[in-house]
């Protein structure tokens, strides 16, 4: 059994029903941003991590406070 919601996210498992996707997406982006080799993350990567659609991931990221984004081709990257 996992000890925390962060362990669930890191294990790439489904989030509990009461989890706030916007908040969890922000945490995931910030966790990735702090890695030197991968300072930004795409909407697609967030969608895959949480098992949601690209649109749902984009909406959650867009609603998350303190995240910055940039369009790169037909995708957005977040940091």
PDB file of N, CA and C in Angstrom:
ATOM      1  N   UNK A   1       0.841  -1.177   0.000  1.00  0.00           N
ATOM      2  CA  UNK A   1       0.000   0.000   0.000  1.00  0.00           C
ATOM      3  C   UNK A   1       0.886   1.240   0.000  1.00  0.00           C
ATOM      4  N   UNK A   2       0.478   2.240  -0.750  1.00  0.00           N
ATOM      5  CA  UNK A   2       1.230   3.482  -0.857  1.00  0.00           C
ATOM      6  C   UNK A   2       0.955   4.356   0.363  1.00  0.00           C
ATOM      7  N   UNK A   3       1.984   5.121   0.789  1.00  0.00           N
ATOM      8  CA  UNK A   3       1.865   5.957   1.967  1.00  0.00           C
ATOM      9  C   UNK A   3       1.225   7.304   1.689  1.00  0.00           C
ATOM     10  N   UNK A   4       1.321   7.790   0.466  1.00  0.00           N
ATOM     11  CA  UNK A   4       0.803   9.128   0.184  1.00  0.00           C
ATOM     12  C   UNK A   4       0.308   9.222  -1.248  1.00  0.00           C
ATOM     13  N   UNK A   5      -0.390  10.307  -1.521  1.00  0.00           N
ATOM     14  CA  UNK A   5      -0.871  10.566  -2.872  1.00  0.00           C
ATOM     15  C   UNK A   5       0.307  10.741  -3.820  1.00  0.00           C
ATOM     16  N   UNK A   6       1.399  11.339  -3.331  1.00  0.00           N
ATOM     17  CA  UNK A   6       2.590  11.513  -4.170  1.00  0.00           C
ATOM     18  C   UNK A   6       3.135  10.150  -4.603  1.00  0.00           C
ATOM     19  N   UNK A   7       3.127   9.173  -3.708  1.00  0.00           N
ATOM     20  CA  UNK A   7       3.563   7.826  -4.078  1.00  0.00           C
ATOM     21  C   UNK A   7       2.677   7.257  -5.188  1.00  0.00           C
ATOM     22  N   UNK A   8       1.382   7.537  -5.106  1.00  0.00           N
ATOM     23  CA  UNK A   8       0.457   7.088  -6.145  1.00  0.00           C
ATOM     24  C   UNK A   8       0.822   7.710  -7.489  1.00  0.00           C
ATOM     25  N   UNK A   9       1.100   9.017  -7.483  1.00  0.00           N
ATOM     26  CA  UNK A   9       1.454   9.722  -8.714  1.00  0.00           C
ATOM     27  C   UNK A   9       2.739   9.157  -9.286  1.00  0.00           C
ATOM     28  N   UNK A  10       3.748   8.986  -8.443  1.00  0.00           N
ATOM     29  CA  UNK A  10       5.030   8.478  -8.907  1.00  0.00           C
ATOM     30  C   UNK A  10       4.922   7.056  -9.436  1.00  0.00           C
ATOM     31  N   UNK A  11       3.988   6.292  -8.935  1.00  0.00           N
ATOM     32  CA  UNK A  11       3.803   4.917  -9.381  1.00  0.00           C
ATOM     33  C   UNK A  11       2.932   4.838 -10.632  1.00  0.00           C
ATOM     34  N   UNK A  12       2.474   6.001 -11.139  1.00  0.00           N
ATOM     35  CA  UNK A  12       1.644   6.056 -12.342  1.00  0.00           C
ATOM     36  C   UNK A  12       0.378   5.215 -12.173  1.00  0.00           C
ATOM     37  N   UNK A  13      -0.308   5.429 -11.098  1.00  0.00           N
ATOM     38  CA  UNK A  13      -1.552   4.720 -10.812  1.00  0.00           C
ATOM     39  C   UNK A  13      -2.694   5.712 -10.797  1.00  0.00           C
ATOM     40  N   UNK A  14      -3.898   5.189 -10.813  1.00  0.00           N
ATOM     41  CA  UNK A  14      -5.078   6.040 -10.770  1.00  0.00           C
ATOM     42  C   UNK A  14      -5.116   6.836  -9.472  1.00  0.00           C
ATOM     43  N   UNK A  15      -5.563   8.077  -9.579  1.00  0.00           N
ATOM     44  CA  UNK A  15      -5.706   8.924  -8.406  1.00  0.00           C
ATOM     45  C   UNK A  15      -7.000   8.583  -7.691  1.00  0.00           C
ATOM     46  N   UNK A  16      -7.056   8.816  -6.396  1.00  0.00           N
ATOM     47  CA  UNK A  16      -8.311   8.620  -5.672  1.00  0.00           C
ATOM     48  C   UNK A  16      -9.399   9.520  -6.244  1.00  0.00           C
ATOM     49  N   UNK A  17     -10.643   9.125  -6.069  1.00  0.00           N
ATOM     50  CA  UNK A  17     -11.763   9.894  -6.603  1.00  0.00           C
ATOM     51  C   UNK A  17     -11.805  11.321  -6.081  1.00  0.00           C
ATOM     52  N   UNK A  18     -11.333  11.546  -4.861  1.00  0.00           N
ATOM     53  CA  UNK A  18     -11.408  12.878  -4.278  1.00  0.00           C
ATOM     54  C   UNK A  18     -10.191  13.747  -4.584  1.00  0.00           C
ATOM     55  N   UNK A  19      -9.276  13.277  -5.420  1.00  0.00           N
ATOM     56  CA  UNK A  19      -8.079  14.055  -5.761  1.00  0.00           C
ATOM     57  C   UNK A  19      -8.449  15.195  -6.707  1.00  0.00           C
ATOM     58  N   UNK A  20      -7.787  16.335  -6.547  1.00  0.00           N
ATOM     59  CA  UNK A  20      -7.979  17.503  -7.410  1.00  0.00           C
ATOM     60  C   UNK A  20      -6.955  17.408  -8.536  1.00  0.00           C
ATOM     61  N   UNK A  21      -7.416  17.112  -9.743  1.00  0.00           N
ATOM     62  CA  UNK A  21      -6.507  16.911 -10.871  1.00  0.00           C
ATOM     63  C   UNK A  21      -5.662  18.149 -11.143  1.00  0.00           C
ATOM     64  N   UNK A  22      -6.233  19.339 -11.013  1.00  0.00           N
ATOM     65  CA  UNK A  22      -5.456  20.569 -11.245  1.00  0.00           C
ATOM     66  C   UNK A  22      -4.279  20.654 -10.280  1.00  0.00           C
ATOM     67  N   UNK A  23      -4.533  20.372  -9.018  1.00  0.00           N
ATOM     68  CA  UNK A  23      -3.477  20.442  -8.007  1.00  0.00           C
ATOM     69  C   UNK A  23      -2.433  19.345  -8.230  1.00  0.00           C
ATOM     70  N   UNK A  24      -2.881  18.145  -8.538  1.00  0.00           N
ATOM     71  CA  UNK A  24      -1.947  17.040  -8.761  1.00  0.00           C
ATOM     72  C   UNK A  24      -1.128  17.260 -10.031  1.00  0.00           C
ATOM     73  N   UNK A  25      -1.749  17.827 -11.066  1.00  0.00           N
ATOM     74  CA  UNK A  25      -1.015  18.131 -12.299  1.00  0.00           C
ATOM     75  C   UNK A  25       0.062  19.172 -12.023  1.00  0.00           C
ATOM     76  N   UNK A  26      -0.269  20.186 -11.221  1.00  0.00           N
ATOM     77  CA  UNK A  26       0.714  21.212 -10.860  1.00  0.00           C
ATOM     78  C   UNK A  26       1.883  20.574 -10.113  1.00  0.00           C
ATOM     79  N   UNK A  27       1.599  19.698  -9.160  1.00  0.00           N
ATOM     80  CA  UNK A  27       2.662  19.025  -8.403  1.00  0.00           C
ATOM     81  C   UNK A  27       3.551  18.209  -9.329  1.00  0.00           C
ATOM     82  N   UNK A  28       2.926  17.507 -10.272  1.00  0.00           N
ATOM     83  CA  UNK A  28       3.684  16.673 -11.201  1.00  0.00           C
ATOM     84  C   UNK A  28       4.601  17.525 -12.071  1.00  0.00           C
ATOM     85  N   UNK A  29       4.080  18.642 -12.597  1.00  0.00           N
ATOM     86  CA  UNK A  29       4.899  19.528 -13.430  1.00  0.00           C
ATOM     87  C   UNK A  29       6.049  20.095 -12.606  1.00  0.00           C
ATOM     88  N   UNK A  30       5.778  20.541 -11.394  1.00  0.00           N
ATOM     89  CA  UNK A  30       6.825  21.108 -10.555  1.00  0.00           C
ATOM     90  C   UNK A  30       7.873  20.058 -10.195  1.00  0.00           C
ATOM     91  N   UNK A  31       7.445  18.815  -9.973  1.00  0.00           N
ATOM     92  CA  UNK A  31       8.387  17.734  -9.683  1.00  0.00           C
ATOM     93  C   UNK A  31       9.309  17.519 -10.879  1.00  0.00           C
ATOM     94  N   UNK A  32       8.749  17.517 -12.092  1.00  0.00           N
ATOM     95  CA  UNK A  32       9.549  17.343 -13.304  1.00  0.00           C
ATOM     96  C   UNK A  32      10.424  18.566 -13.561  1.00  0.00           C
ATOM     97  N   UNK A  33       9.910  19.754 -13.289  1.00  0.00           N
ATOM     98  CA  UNK A  33      10.638  20.994 -13.531  1.00  0.00           C
ATOM     99  C   UNK A  33      11.919  21.049 -12.711  1.00  0.00           C
ATOM    100  N   UNK A  34      11.898  20.468 -11.546  1.00  0.00           N
ATOM    101  CA  UNK A  34      13.062  20.489 -10.670  1.00  0.00           C
ATOM    102  C   UNK A  34      14.149  19.516 -11.106  1.00  0.00           C
ATOM    103  N   UNK A  35      13.885  18.720 -12.108  1.00  0.00           N
ATOM    104  CA  UNK A  35      14.886  17.808 -12.632  1.00  0.00           C
ATOM    105  C   UNK A  35      15.694  18.538 -13.699  1.00  0.00           C
ATOM    106  N   UNK A  36      16.987  18.525 -13.573  1.00  0.00           N
ATOM    107  CA  UNK A  36      17.862  19.258 -14.488  1.00  0.00           C
ATOM    108  C   UNK A  36      17.716  18.781 -15.927  1.00  0.00           C
ATOM    109  N   UNK A  37      17.566  17.499 -16.135  1.00  0.00           N
ATOM    110  CA  UNK A  37      17.523  16.964 -17.483  1.00  0.00           C
ATOM    111  C   UNK A  37      16.196  17.193 -18.189  1.00  0.00           C
ATOM    112  N   UNK A  38      15.152  17.550 -17.472  1.00  0.00           N
ATOM    113  CA  UNK A  38      13.827  17.664 -18.068  1.00  0.00           C
ATOM    114  C   UNK A  38      13.063  18.816 -17.406  1.00  0.00           C
ATOM    115  N   UNK A  39      13.442  20.057 -17.703  1.00  0.00           N
ATOM    116  CA  UNK A  39      12.851  21.182 -16.982  1.00  0.00           C
ATOM    117  C   UNK A  39      11.419  21.544 -17.387  1.00  0.00           C
ATOM    118  N   UNK A  40      10.901  20.990 -18.463  1.00  0.00           N
ATOM    119  CA  UNK A  40       9.527  21.273 -18.893  1.00  0.00           C
ATOM    120  C   UNK A  40       8.843  19.958 -19.234  1.00  0.00           C
ATOM    121  N   UNK A  41       7.526  19.991 -19.261  1.00  0.00           N
ATOM    122  CA  UNK A  41       6.753  18.782 -19.525  1.00  0.00           C
ATOM    123  C   UNK A  41       5.604  19.134 -20.460  1.00  0.00           C
ATOM    124  N   UNK A  42       5.242  18.215 -21.336  1.00  0.00           N
ATOM    125  CA  UNK A  42       4.171  18.474 -22.298  1.00  0.00           C
ATOM    126  C   UNK A  42       2.810  18.081 -21.728  1.00  0.00           C
ATOM    127  N   UNK A  43       1.776  18.630 -22.329  1.00  0.00           N
ATOM    128  CA  UNK A  43       0.417  18.269 -21.956  1.00  0.00           C
ATOM    129  C   UNK A  43       0.212  16.770 -22.127  1.00  0.00           C
ATOM    130  N   UNK A  44       0.773  16.212 -23.189  1.00  0.00           N
ATOM    131  CA  UNK A  44       0.631  14.779 -23.452  1.00  0.00           C
ATOM    132  C   UNK A  44       1.230  13.943 -22.324  1.00  0.00           C
ATOM    133  N   UNK A  45       2.389  14.359 -21.811  1.00  0.00           N
ATOM    134  CA  UNK A  45       3.017  13.614 -20.711  1.00  0.00           C
ATOM    135  C   UNK A  45       2.143  13.626 -19.461  1.00  0.00           C
ATOM    136  N   UNK A  46       1.512  14.758 -19.182  1.00  0.00           N
ATOM    137  CA  UNK A  46       0.618  14.856 -18.026  1.00  0.00           C
ATOM    138  C   UNK A  46      -0.610  13.966 -18.243  1.00  0.00           C
ATOM    139  N   UNK A  47      -1.168  14.000 -19.444  1.00  0.00           N
ATOM    140  CA  UNK A  47      -2.330  13.154 -19.753  1.00  0.00           C
ATOM    141  C   UNK A  47      -1.995  11.684 -19.561  1.00  0.00           C
ATOM    142  N   UNK A  48      -0.836  11.267 -20.038  1.00  0.00           N
ATOM    143  CA  UNK A  48      -0.416   9.870 -19.878  1.00  0.00           C
ATOM    144  C   UNK A  48      -0.201   9.514 -18.415  1.00  0.00           C
ATOM    145  N   UNK A  49       0.404  10.413 -17.666  1.00  0.00           N
ATOM    146  CA  UNK A  49       0.698  10.152 -16.252  1.00  0.00           C
ATOM    147  C   UNK A  49      -0.568   9.914 -15.443  1.00  0.00           C
ATOM    148  N   UNK A  50      -1.618  10.695 -15.736  1.00  0.00           N
ATOM    149  CA  UNK A  50      -2.845  10.608 -14.957  1.00  0.00           C
ATOM    150  C   UNK A  50      -3.948   9.808 -15.638  1.00  0.00           C
ATOM    151  N   UNK A  51      -3.676   9.303 -16.837  1.00  0.00           N
ATOM    152  CA  UNK A  51      -4.671   8.492 -17.533  1.00  0.00           C
ATOM    153  C   UNK A  51      -5.912   9.271 -17.924  1.00  0.00           C
ATOM    154  N   UNK A  52      -5.719  10.521 -18.360  1.00  0.00           N
ATOM    155  CA  UNK A  52      -6.844  11.360 -18.788  1.00  0.00           C
ATOM    156  C   UNK A  52      -6.616  11.809 -20.223  1.00  0.00           C
ATOM    157  N   UNK A  53      -7.623  12.420 -20.815  1.00  0.00           N
ATOM    158  CA  UNK A  53      -7.502  12.912 -22.180  1.00  0.00           C
ATOM    159  C   UNK A  53      -6.592  14.134 -22.230  1.00  0.00           C
ATOM    160  N   UNK A  54      -6.097  14.426 -23.431  1.00  0.00           N
ATOM    161  CA  UNK A  54      -5.255  15.610 -23.623  1.00  0.00           C
ATOM    162  C   UNK A  54      -6.027  16.881 -23.229  1.00  0.00           C
ATOM    163  N   UNK A  55      -7.295  16.944 -23.615  1.00  0.00           N
ATOM    164  CA  UNK A  55      -8.114  18.113 -23.303  1.00  0.00           C
ATOM    165  C   UNK A  55      -8.278  18.281 -21.791  1.00  0.00           C
ATOM    166  N   UNK A  56      -8.540  17.171 -21.102  1.00  0.00           N
ATOM    167  CA  UNK A  56      -8.713  17.234 -19.651  1.00  0.00           C
ATOM    168  C   UNK A  56      -7.402  17.639 -18.972  1.00  0.00           C
ATOM    169  N   UNK A  57      -6.280  17.108 -19.451  1.00  0.00           N
ATOM    170  CA  UNK A  57      -4.973  17.477 -18.895  1.00  0.00           C
ATOM    171  C   UNK A  57      -4.697  18.963 -19.139  1.00  0.00           C
ATOM    172  N   UNK A  58      -4.958  19.429 -20.357  1.00  0.00           N
ATOM    173  CA  UNK A  58      -4.722  20.846 -20.674  1.00  0.00           C
ATOM    174  C   UNK A  58      -5.572  21.744 -19.794  1.00  0.00           C
ATOM    175  N   UNK A  59      -6.851  21.402 -19.627  1.00  0.00           N
ATOM    176  CA  UNK A  59      -7.734  22.210 -18.791  1.00  0.00           C
ATOM    177  C   UNK A  59      -7.240  22.251 -17.348  1.00  0.00           C
ATOM    178  N   UNK A  60      -6.816  21.090 -16.835  1.00  0.00           N
ATOM    179  CA  UNK A  60      -6.321  21.034 -15.455  1.00  0.00           C
ATOM    180  C   UNK A  60      -5.054  21.866 -15.305  1.00  0.00           C
ATOM    181  N   UNK A  61      -4.148  21.754 -16.258  1.00  0.00           N
ATOM    182  CA  UNK A  61      -2.912  22.533 -16.201  1.00  0.00           C
ATOM    183  C   UNK A  61      -3.199  24.020 -16.315  1.00  0.00           C
ATOM    184  N   UNK A  62      -4.114  24.373 -17.190  1.00  0.00           N
ATOM    185  CA  UNK A  62      -4.470  25.774 -17.404  1.00  0.00           C
ATOM    186  C   UNK A  62      -5.076  26.390 -16.145  1.00  0.00           C
ATOM    187  N   UNK A  63      -5.767  25.567 -15.343  1.00  0.00           N
ATOM    188  CA  UNK A  63      -6.397  26.046 -14.113  1.00  0.00           C
ATOM    189  C   UNK A  63      -5.438  26.026 -12.924  1.00  0.00           C
ATOM    190  N   UNK A  64      -4.303  25.381 -13.065  1.00  0.00           N
ATOM    191  CA  UNK A  64      -3.350  25.267 -11.963  1.00  0.00           C
ATOM    192  C   UNK A  64      -2.602  26.583 -11.772  1.00  0.00           C
ATOM    193  N   UNK A  65      -2.588  27.080 -10.554  1.00  0.00           N
ATOM    194  CA  UNK A  65      -1.861  28.328 -10.314  1.00  0.00           C
ATOM    195  C   UNK A  65      -0.354  28.117 -10.381  1.00  0.00           C
ATOM    196  N   UNK A  66       0.341  29.158 -10.738  1.00  0.00           N
ATOM    197  CA  UNK A  66       1.805  29.219 -10.721  1.00  0.00           C
ATOM    198  C   UNK A  66       2.498  28.441 -11.826  1.00  0.00           C
ATOM    199  N   UNK A  67       1.783  27.919 -12.797  1.00  0.00           N
ATOM    200  CA  UNK A  67       2.432  27.234 -13.914  1.00  0.00           C
ATOM    201  C   UNK A  67       2.540  28.184 -15.088  1.00  0.00           C
ATOM    202  N   UNK A  68       3.627  28.081 -15.797  1.00  0.00           N
ATOM    203  CA  UNK A  68       3.835  28.847 -17.023  1.00  0.00           C
ATOM    204  C   UNK A  68       3.720  27.882 -18.194  1.00  0.00           C
ATOM    205  N   UNK A  69       3.332  28.393 -19.368  1.00  0.00           N
ATOM    206  CA  UNK A  69       3.232  27.530 -20.543  1.00  0.00           C
ATOM    207  C   UNK A  69       3.740  28.255 -21.771  1.00  0.00           C
ATOM    208  N   UNK A  70       4.091  27.450 -22.764  1.00  0.00           N
ATOM    209  CA  UNK A  70       4.540  27.983 -24.042  1.00  0.00           C
ATOM    210  C   UNK A  70       4.077  27.032 -25.134  1.00  0.00           C
ATOM    211  N   UNK A  71       3.594  27.587 -26.225  1.00  0.00           N
ATOM    212  CA  UNK A  71       3.213  26.773 -27.378  1.00  0.00           C
ATOM    213  C   UNK A  71       4.464  26.392 -28.160  1.00  0.00           C
ATOM    214  N   UNK A  72       4.571  25.129 -28.473  1.00  0.00           N
ATOM    215  CA  UNK A  72       5.677  24.613 -29.281  1.00  0.00           C
ATOM    216  C   UNK A  72       5.033  23.742 -30.360  1.00  0.00           C
ATOM    217  N   UNK A  73       4.966  24.273 -31.566  1.00  0.00           N
ATOM    218  CA  UNK A  73       4.254  23.556 -32.622  1.00  0.00           C
ATOM    219  C   UNK A  73       2.775  23.490 -32.260  1.00  0.00           C
ATOM    220  N   UNK A  74       2.235  22.293 -32.271  1.00  0.00           N
ATOM    221  CA  UNK A  74       0.818  22.126 -31.926  1.00  0.00           C
ATOM    222  C   UNK A  74       0.620  21.644 -30.497  1.00  0.00           C
ATOM    223  N   UNK A  75       1.647  21.758 -29.660  1.00  0.00           N
ATOM    224  CA  UNK A  75       1.562  21.345 -28.263  1.00  0.00           C
ATOM    225  C   UNK A  75       1.945  22.488 -27.340  1.00  0.00           C
ATOM    226  N   UNK A  76       1.660  22.305 -26.060  1.00  0.00           N
ATOM    227  CA  UNK A  76       2.110  23.226 -25.030  1.00  0.00           C
ATOM    228  C   UNK A  76       3.096  22.506 -24.135  1.00  0.00           C
ATOM    229  N   UNK A  77       4.063  23.268 -23.647  1.00  0.00           N
ATOM    230  CA  UNK A  77       4.939  22.740 -22.612  1.00  0.00           C
ATOM    231  C   UNK A  77       4.705  23.591 -21.362  1.00  0.00           C
ATOM    232  N   UNK A  78       4.919  22.982 -20.220  1.00  0.00           N
ATOM    233  CA  UNK A  78       4.618  23.606 -18.934  1.00  0.00           C
ATOM    234  C   UNK A  78       5.828  23.549 -18.027  1.00  0.00           C
ATOM    235  N   UNK A  79       5.988  24.565 -17.192  1.00  0.00           N
ATOM    236  CA  UNK A  79       7.052  24.566 -16.185  1.00  0.00           C
ATOM    237  C   UNK A  79       6.627  25.397 -15.011  1.00  0.00           C
TER     238      UNK A  79
END
